[in-house]
Amino acid sequence: ALASGGNGLGGMRERLRLYGGRLEIASAP
């Protein structure tokens, strides 16, 4: 999910990084 990029979770993580933030995801099917 994080490797998907674009406007999904990967894009969300990159935007947070611009502001010194970080994104963590915990999930399993």
Full PDB file with SEQRES, HELIX, SHEET, SSBOND, CRYST1, ORIGX, SCALE, CONECT and MASTER records, all heavy atoms in Angstrom:
SEQRES   1 A   29  ALA LEU ALA SER GLY GLY ASN GLY LEU GLY GLY MET ARG          
SEQRES   2 A   29  GLU ARG LEU ARG LEU TYR GLY GLY ARG LEU GLU ILE ALA          
SEQRES   3 A   29  SER ALA PRO                                                  
HELIX    1 AA1 LEU A    2  SER A    4  5                                   3    
HELIX    2 AA2 LEU A    9  LEU A   18  1                                  10    
CRYST1    1.000    1.000    1.000  90.00  90.00  90.00 P 1           1          
ORIGX1      1.000000  0.000000  0.000000        0.00000                         
ORIGX2      0.000000  1.000000  0.000000        0.00000                         
ORIGX3      0.000000  0.000000  1.000000        0.00000                         
SCALE1      1.000000  0.000000  0.000000        0.00000                         
SCALE2      0.000000  1.000000  0.000000        0.00000                         
SCALE3      0.000000  0.000000  1.000000        0.00000                         
ATOM      1  N   ALA A   1       0.830  -1.210   0.000  1.00  0.00           N  
ATOM      2  CA  ALA A   1       0.000   0.000   0.000  1.00  0.00           C  
ATOM      3  C   ALA A   1       0.864   1.259   0.000  1.00  0.00           C  
ATOM      4  O   ALA A   1       0.584   2.218  -0.720  1.00  0.00           O  
ATOM      5  CB  ALA A   1      -0.926  -0.003   1.212  1.00  0.00           C  
ATOM      6  N   LEU A   2       1.927   1.278   0.788  1.00  0.00           N  
ATOM      7  CA  LEU A   2       2.793   2.455   0.852  1.00  0.00           C  
ATOM      8  C   LEU A   2       3.628   2.616  -0.418  1.00  0.00           C  
ATOM      9  O   LEU A   2       4.031   3.726  -0.748  1.00  0.00           O  
ATOM     10  CB  LEU A   2       3.723   2.355   2.063  1.00  0.00           C  
ATOM     11  CG  LEU A   2       3.069   2.640   3.410  1.00  0.00           C  
ATOM     12  CD1 LEU A   2       4.027   2.320   4.547  1.00  0.00           C  
ATOM     13  CD2 LEU A   2       2.615   4.091   3.500  1.00  0.00           C  
ATOM     14  N   ALA A   3       3.857   1.513  -1.120  1.00  0.00           N  
ATOM     15  CA  ALA A   3       4.646   1.584  -2.346  1.00  0.00           C  
ATOM     16  C   ALA A   3       3.823   2.022  -3.543  1.00  0.00           C  
ATOM     17  O   ALA A   3       4.361   2.254  -4.623  1.00  0.00           O  
ATOM     18  CB  ALA A   3       5.282   0.218  -2.639  1.00  0.00           C  
ATOM     19  N   SER A   4       2.505   2.183  -3.343  1.00  0.00           N  
ATOM     20  CA  SER A   4       1.631   2.474  -4.477  1.00  0.00           C  
ATOM     21  C   SER A   4       1.842   3.868  -5.033  1.00  0.00           C  
ATOM     22  O   SER A   4       1.600   4.126  -6.195  1.00  0.00           O  
ATOM     23  CB  SER A   4       0.164   2.312  -4.066  1.00  0.00           C  
ATOM     24  OG  SER A   4      -0.183   3.261  -3.060  1.00  0.00           O  
ATOM     25  N   GLY A   5       2.274   4.852  -4.180  1.00  0.00           N  
ATOM     26  CA  GLY A   5       2.507   6.217  -4.646  1.00  0.00           C  
ATOM     27  C   GLY A   5       1.215   6.891  -5.042  1.00  0.00           C  
ATOM     28  O   GLY A   5       0.130   6.567  -4.567  1.00  0.00           O  
ATOM     29  N   GLY A   6       1.321   7.872  -5.956  1.00  0.00           N  
ATOM     30  CA  GLY A   6       0.142   8.578  -6.447  1.00  0.00           C  
ATOM     31  C   GLY A   6      -0.571   9.314  -5.345  1.00  0.00           C  
ATOM     32  O   GLY A   6       0.038   9.931  -4.486  1.00  0.00           O  
ATOM     33  N   ASN A   7      -1.911   9.260  -5.352  1.00  0.00           N  
ATOM     34  CA  ASN A   7      -2.710   9.977  -4.364  1.00  0.00           C  
ATOM     35  C   ASN A   7      -3.136   9.080  -3.210  1.00  0.00           C  
ATOM     36  O   ASN A   7      -3.988   9.449  -2.425  1.00  0.00           O  
ATOM     37  CB  ASN A   7      -3.955  10.570  -5.040  1.00  0.00           C  
ATOM     38  CG  ASN A   7      -3.592  11.682  -5.980  1.00  0.00           C  
ATOM     39  OD1 ASN A   7      -2.681  12.443  -5.711  1.00  0.00           O  
ATOM     40  ND2 ASN A   7      -4.290  11.771  -7.096  1.00  0.00           N  
ATOM     41  N   GLY A   8      -2.569   7.864  -3.110  1.00  0.00           N  
ATOM     42  CA  GLY A   8      -2.939   6.957  -2.050  1.00  0.00           C  
ATOM     43  C   GLY A   8      -2.077   7.133  -0.817  1.00  0.00           C  
ATOM     44  O   GLY A   8      -1.614   8.241  -0.501  1.00  0.00           O  
ATOM     45  N   LEU A   9      -1.841   6.025  -0.121  1.00  0.00           N  
ATOM     46  CA  LEU A   9      -1.084   6.084   1.126  1.00  0.00           C  
ATOM     47  C   LEU A   9       0.363   6.514   0.898  1.00  0.00           C  
ATOM     48  O   LEU A   9       0.942   7.217   1.733  1.00  0.00           O  
ATOM     49  CB  LEU A   9      -1.138   4.723   1.814  1.00  0.00           C  
ATOM     50  CG  LEU A   9      -2.532   4.250   2.236  1.00  0.00           C  
ATOM     51  CD1 LEU A   9      -2.479   2.826   2.757  1.00  0.00           C  
ATOM     52  CD2 LEU A   9      -3.116   5.180   3.287  1.00  0.00           C  
ATOM     53  N   GLY A  10       0.940   6.086  -0.226  1.00  0.00           N  
ATOM     54  CA  GLY A  10       2.309   6.501  -0.518  1.00  0.00           C  
ATOM     55  C   GLY A  10       2.423   8.005  -0.699  1.00  0.00           C  
ATOM     56  O   GLY A  10       3.340   8.642  -0.172  1.00  0.00           O  
ATOM     57  N   GLY A  11       1.470   8.601  -1.424  1.00  0.00           N  
ATOM     58  CA  GLY A  11       1.462  10.047  -1.584  1.00  0.00           C  
ATOM     59  C   GLY A  11       1.221  10.772  -0.285  1.00  0.00           C  
ATOM     60  O   GLY A  11       1.790  11.844  -0.033  1.00  0.00           O  
ATOM     61  N   MET A  12       0.377  10.199   0.569  1.00  0.00           N  
ATOM     62  CA  MET A  12       0.109  10.784   1.879  1.00  0.00           C  
ATOM     63  C   MET A  12       1.391  10.819   2.719  1.00  0.00           C  
ATOM     64  O   MET A  12       1.696  11.822   3.370  1.00  0.00           O  
ATOM     65  CB  MET A  12      -0.962   9.934   2.593  1.00  0.00           C  
ATOM     66  CG  MET A  12      -1.538  10.537   3.850  1.00  0.00           C  
ATOM     67  SD  MET A  12      -2.626   9.345   4.688  1.00  0.00           S  
ATOM     68  CE  MET A  12      -3.808   8.961   3.387  1.00  0.00           C  
ATOM     69  N   ARG A  13       2.158   9.730   2.670  1.00  0.00           N  
ATOM     70  CA  ARG A  13       3.411   9.676   3.433  1.00  0.00           C  
ATOM     71  C   ARG A  13       4.403  10.737   2.954  1.00  0.00           C  
ATOM     72  O   ARG A  13       5.042  11.412   3.776  1.00  0.00           O  
ATOM     73  CB  ARG A  13       4.027   8.283   3.294  1.00  0.00           C  
ATOM     74  CG  ARG A  13       5.361   8.134   4.024  1.00  0.00           C  
ATOM     75  CD  ARG A  13       5.944   6.756   3.854  1.00  0.00           C  
ATOM     76  NE  ARG A  13       6.200   6.453   2.456  1.00  0.00           N  
ATOM     77  CZ  ARG A  13       6.740   5.302   2.039  1.00  0.00           C  
ATOM     78  NH1 ARG A  13       7.037   4.369   2.915  1.00  0.00           N  
ATOM     79  NH2 ARG A  13       6.955   5.088   0.748  1.00  0.00           N  
ATOM     80  N   GLU A  14       4.523  10.890   1.632  1.00  0.00           N  
ATOM     81  CA  GLU A  14       5.464  11.869   1.104  1.00  0.00           C  
ATOM     82  C   GLU A  14       5.063  13.295   1.485  1.00  0.00           C  
ATOM     83  O   GLU A  14       5.912  14.133   1.770  1.00  0.00           O  
ATOM     84  CB  GLU A  14       5.550  11.734  -0.418  1.00  0.00           C  
ATOM     85  CG  GLU A  14       6.141  10.408  -0.890  1.00  0.00           C  
ATOM     86  CD  GLU A  14       7.478  10.110  -0.242  1.00  0.00           C  
ATOM     87  OE1 GLU A  14       8.332  11.020  -0.211  1.00  0.00           O  
ATOM     88  OE2 GLU A  14       7.657   8.978   0.236  1.00  0.00           O  
ATOM     89  N   ARG A  15       3.766  13.585   1.489  1.00  0.00           N  
ATOM     90  CA  ARG A  15       3.315  14.929   1.880  1.00  0.00           C  
ATOM     91  C   ARG A  15       3.642  15.194   3.343  1.00  0.00           C  
ATOM     92  O   ARG A  15       4.088  16.286   3.698  1.00  0.00           O  
ATOM     93  CB  ARG A  15       1.820  15.063   1.646  1.00  0.00           C  
ATOM     94  CG  ARG A  15       1.304  16.486   1.902  1.00  0.00           C  
ATOM     95  CD  ARG A  15      -0.198  16.573   1.768  1.00  0.00           C  
ATOM     96  NE  ARG A  15      -0.644  16.027   0.515  1.00  0.00           N  
ATOM     97  CZ  ARG A  15      -1.518  15.038   0.393  1.00  0.00           C  
ATOM     98  NH1 ARG A  15      -2.026  14.475   1.469  1.00  0.00           N  
ATOM     99  NH2 ARG A  15      -1.895  14.607  -0.783  1.00  0.00           N  
ATOM    100  N   LEU A  16       3.422  14.217   4.203  1.00  0.00           N  
ATOM    101  CA  LEU A  16       3.743  14.396   5.615  1.00  0.00           C  
ATOM    102  C   LEU A  16       5.239  14.642   5.811  1.00  0.00           C  
ATOM    103  O   LEU A  16       5.638  15.432   6.667  1.00  0.00           O  
ATOM    104  CB  LEU A  16       3.306  13.166   6.416  1.00  0.00           C  
ATOM    105  CG  LEU A  16       1.795  13.003   6.606  1.00  0.00           C  
ATOM    106  CD1 LEU A  16       1.470  11.601   7.096  1.00  0.00           C  
ATOM    107  CD2 LEU A  16       1.259  14.042   7.595  1.00  0.00           C  
ATOM    108  N   ARG A  17       6.060  13.987   5.024  1.00  0.00           N  
ATOM    109  CA  ARG A  17       7.515  14.167   5.139  1.00  0.00           C  
ATOM    110  C   ARG A  17       7.926  15.603   4.845  1.00  0.00           C  
ATOM    111  O   ARG A  17       8.909  16.103   5.403  1.00  0.00           O  
ATOM    112  CB  ARG A  17       8.229  13.219   4.172  1.00  0.00           C  
ATOM    113  CG  ARG A  17       8.315  11.780   4.662  1.00  0.00           C  
ATOM    114  CD  ARG A  17       9.034  10.925   3.638  1.00  0.00           C  
ATOM    115  NE  ARG A  17       9.240   9.562   4.124  1.00  0.00           N  
ATOM    116  CZ  ARG A  17       9.763   8.586   3.393  1.00  0.00           C  
ATOM    117  NH1 ARG A  17      10.140   8.838   2.138  1.00  0.00           N  
ATOM    118  NH2 ARG A  17       9.906   7.375   3.891  1.00  0.00           N  
ATOM    119  N   LEU A  18       7.217  16.264   3.954  1.00  0.00           N  
ATOM    120  CA  LEU A  18       7.546  17.649   3.635  1.00  0.00           C  
ATOM    121  C   LEU A  18       7.442  18.543   4.864  1.00  0.00           C  
ATOM    122  O   LEU A  18       8.070  19.603   4.926  1.00  0.00           O  
ATOM    123  CB  LEU A  18       6.617  18.179   2.544  1.00  0.00           C  
ATOM    124  CG  LEU A  18       6.749  17.543   1.157  1.00  0.00           C  
ATOM    125  CD1 LEU A  18       5.722  18.137   0.214  1.00  0.00           C  
ATOM    126  CD2 LEU A  18       8.157  17.722   0.603  1.00  0.00           C  
ATOM    127  N   TYR A  19       6.644  18.130   5.832  1.00  0.00           N  
ATOM    128  CA  TYR A  19       6.444  18.916   7.053  1.00  0.00           C  
ATOM    129  C   TYR A  19       7.098  18.243   8.266  1.00  0.00           C  
ATOM    130  O   TYR A  19       6.727  18.503   9.397  1.00  0.00           O  
ATOM    131  CB  TYR A  19       4.950  19.134   7.298  1.00  0.00           C  
ATOM    132  CG  TYR A  19       4.345  20.069   6.274  1.00  0.00           C  
ATOM    133  CD1 TYR A  19       3.944  19.599   5.034  1.00  0.00           C  
ATOM    134  CD2 TYR A  19       4.248  21.431   6.529  1.00  0.00           C  
ATOM    135  CE1 TYR A  19       3.433  20.464   4.069  1.00  0.00           C  
ATOM    136  CE2 TYR A  19       3.735  22.298   5.582  1.00  0.00           C  
ATOM    137  CZ  TYR A  19       3.328  21.798   4.350  1.00  0.00           C  
ATOM    138  OH  TYR A  19       2.835  22.658   3.401  1.00  0.00           O  
ATOM    139  N   GLY A  20       8.076  17.387   7.994  1.00  0.00           N  
ATOM    140  CA  GLY A  20       8.799  16.723   9.067  1.00  0.00           C  
ATOM    141  C   GLY A  20       8.000  15.647   9.760  1.00  0.00           C  
ATOM    142  O   GLY A  20       8.372  15.204  10.853  1.00  0.00           O  
ATOM    143  N   GLY A  21       6.913  15.215   9.141  1.00  0.00           N  
ATOM    144  CA  GLY A  21       6.045  14.211   9.752  1.00  0.00           C  
ATOM    145  C   GLY A  21       6.363  12.809   9.261  1.00  0.00           C  
ATOM    146  O   GLY A  21       7.239  12.586   8.428  1.00  0.00           O  
ATOM    147  N   ARG A  22       5.613  11.857   9.785  1.00  0.00           N  
ATOM    148  CA  ARG A  22       5.804  10.471   9.387  1.00  0.00           C  
ATOM    149  C   ARG A  22       4.455   9.756   9.420  1.00  0.00           C  
ATOM    150  O   ARG A  22       3.526  10.172  10.119  1.00  0.00           O  
ATOM    151  CB  ARG A  22       6.807   9.763  10.309  1.00  0.00           C  
ATOM    152  CG  ARG A  22       6.401   9.704  11.760  1.00  0.00           C  
ATOM    153  CD  ARG A  22       7.565   9.239  12.637  1.00  0.00           C  
ATOM    154  NE  ARG A  22       7.160   9.028  14.025  1.00  0.00           N  
ATOM    155  CZ  ARG A  22       7.071   9.999  14.914  1.00  0.00           C  
ATOM    156  NH1 ARG A  22       7.366  11.249  14.571  1.00  0.00           N  
ATOM    157  NH2 ARG A  22       6.710   9.720  16.155  1.00  0.00           N  
ATOM    158  N   LEU A  23       4.377   8.694   8.653  1.00  0.00           N  
ATOM    159  CA  LEU A  23       3.156   7.903   8.549  1.00  0.00           C  
ATOM    160  C   LEU A  23       3.467   6.460   8.896  1.00  0.00           C  
ATOM    161  O   LEU A  23       4.440   5.886   8.389  1.00  0.00           O  
ATOM    162  CB  LEU A  23       2.592   7.994   7.127  1.00  0.00           C  
ATOM    163  CG  LEU A  23       1.306   7.213   6.856  1.00  0.00           C  
ATOM    164  CD1 LEU A  23       0.132   7.857   7.585  1.00  0.00           C  
ATOM    165  CD2 LEU A  23       1.022   7.146   5.354  1.00  0.00           C  
ATOM    166  N   GLU A  24       2.658   5.896   9.766  1.00  0.00           N  
ATOM    167  CA  GLU A  24       2.803   4.486  10.129  1.00  0.00           C  
ATOM    168  C   GLU A  24       1.476   3.780   9.855  1.00  0.00           C  
ATOM    169  O   GLU A  24       0.404   4.322  10.130  1.00  0.00           O  
ATOM    170  CB  GLU A  24       3.186   4.346  11.606  1.00  0.00           C  
ATOM    171  CG  GLU A  24       4.524   4.986  11.958  1.00  0.00           C  
ATOM    172  CD  GLU A  24       4.796   4.975  13.453  1.00  0.00           C  
ATOM    173  OE1 GLU A  24       3.908   4.516  14.210  1.00  0.00           O  
ATOM    174  OE2 GLU A  24       5.877   5.437  13.864  1.00  0.00           O  
ATOM    175  N   ILE A  25       1.571   2.571   9.312  1.00  0.00           N  
ATOM    176  CA  ILE A  25       0.379   1.786   8.990  1.00  0.00           C  
ATOM    177  C   ILE A  25       0.527   0.402   9.588  1.00  0.00           C  
ATOM    178  O   ILE A  25       1.563  -0.255   9.434  1.00  0.00           O  
ATOM    179  CB  ILE A  25       0.183   1.679   7.470  1.00  0.00           C  
ATOM    180  CG1 ILE A  25      -0.084   3.053   6.872  1.00  0.00           C  
ATOM    181  CG2 ILE A  25      -0.964   0.739   7.138  1.00  0.00           C  
ATOM    182  CD1 ILE A  25      -0.201   3.040   5.371  1.00  0.00           C  
ATOM    183  N   ALA A  26      -0.500  -0.029  10.282  1.00  0.00           N  
ATOM    184  CA  ALA A  26      -0.550  -1.388  10.815  1.00  0.00           C  
ATOM    185  C   ALA A  26      -1.790  -2.061  10.239  1.00  0.00           C  
ATOM    186  O   ALA A  26      -2.906  -1.572  10.410  1.00  0.00           O  
ATOM    187  CB  ALA A  26      -0.616  -1.381  12.347  1.00  0.00           C  
ATOM    188  N   SER A  27      -1.585  -3.172   9.526  1.00  0.00           N  
ATOM    189  CA  SER A  27      -2.712  -3.848   8.900  1.00  0.00           C  
ATOM    190  C   SER A  27      -2.286  -5.240   8.472  1.00  0.00           C  
ATOM    191  O   SER A  27      -1.102  -5.539   8.333  1.00  0.00           O  
ATOM    192  CB  SER A  27      -3.213  -3.059   7.687  1.00  0.00           C  
ATOM    193  OG  SER A  27      -4.328  -3.704   7.091  1.00  0.00           O  
ATOM    194  N   ALA A  28      -3.273  -6.054   8.266  1.00  0.00           N  
ATOM    195  CA  ALA A  28      -3.096  -7.373   7.674  1.00  0.00           C  
ATOM    196  C   ALA A  28      -4.441  -7.756   7.087  1.00  0.00           C  
ATOM    197  O   ALA A  28      -5.486  -7.269   7.540  1.00  0.00           O  
ATOM    198  CB  ALA A  28      -2.648  -8.400   8.725  1.00  0.00           C  
ATOM    199  N   PRO A  29      -4.443  -8.585   6.055  1.00  0.00           N  
ATOM    200  CA  PRO A  29      -5.716  -8.967   5.446  1.00  0.00           C  
ATOM    201  C   PRO A  29      -6.708  -9.500   6.477  1.00  0.00           C  
ATOM    202  O   PRO A  29      -6.408 -10.391   7.263  1.00  0.00           O  
ATOM    203  CB  PRO A  29      -5.301 -10.065   4.452  1.00  0.00           C  
ATOM    204  CG  PRO A  29      -3.895  -9.708   4.076  1.00  0.00           C  
ATOM    205  CD  PRO A  29      -3.293  -9.153   5.333  1.00  0.00           C  
TER     206      PRO A  29                                                      
MASTER        0    0    0    2    0    0    0    6  205    1    0    3          
END                                                                             
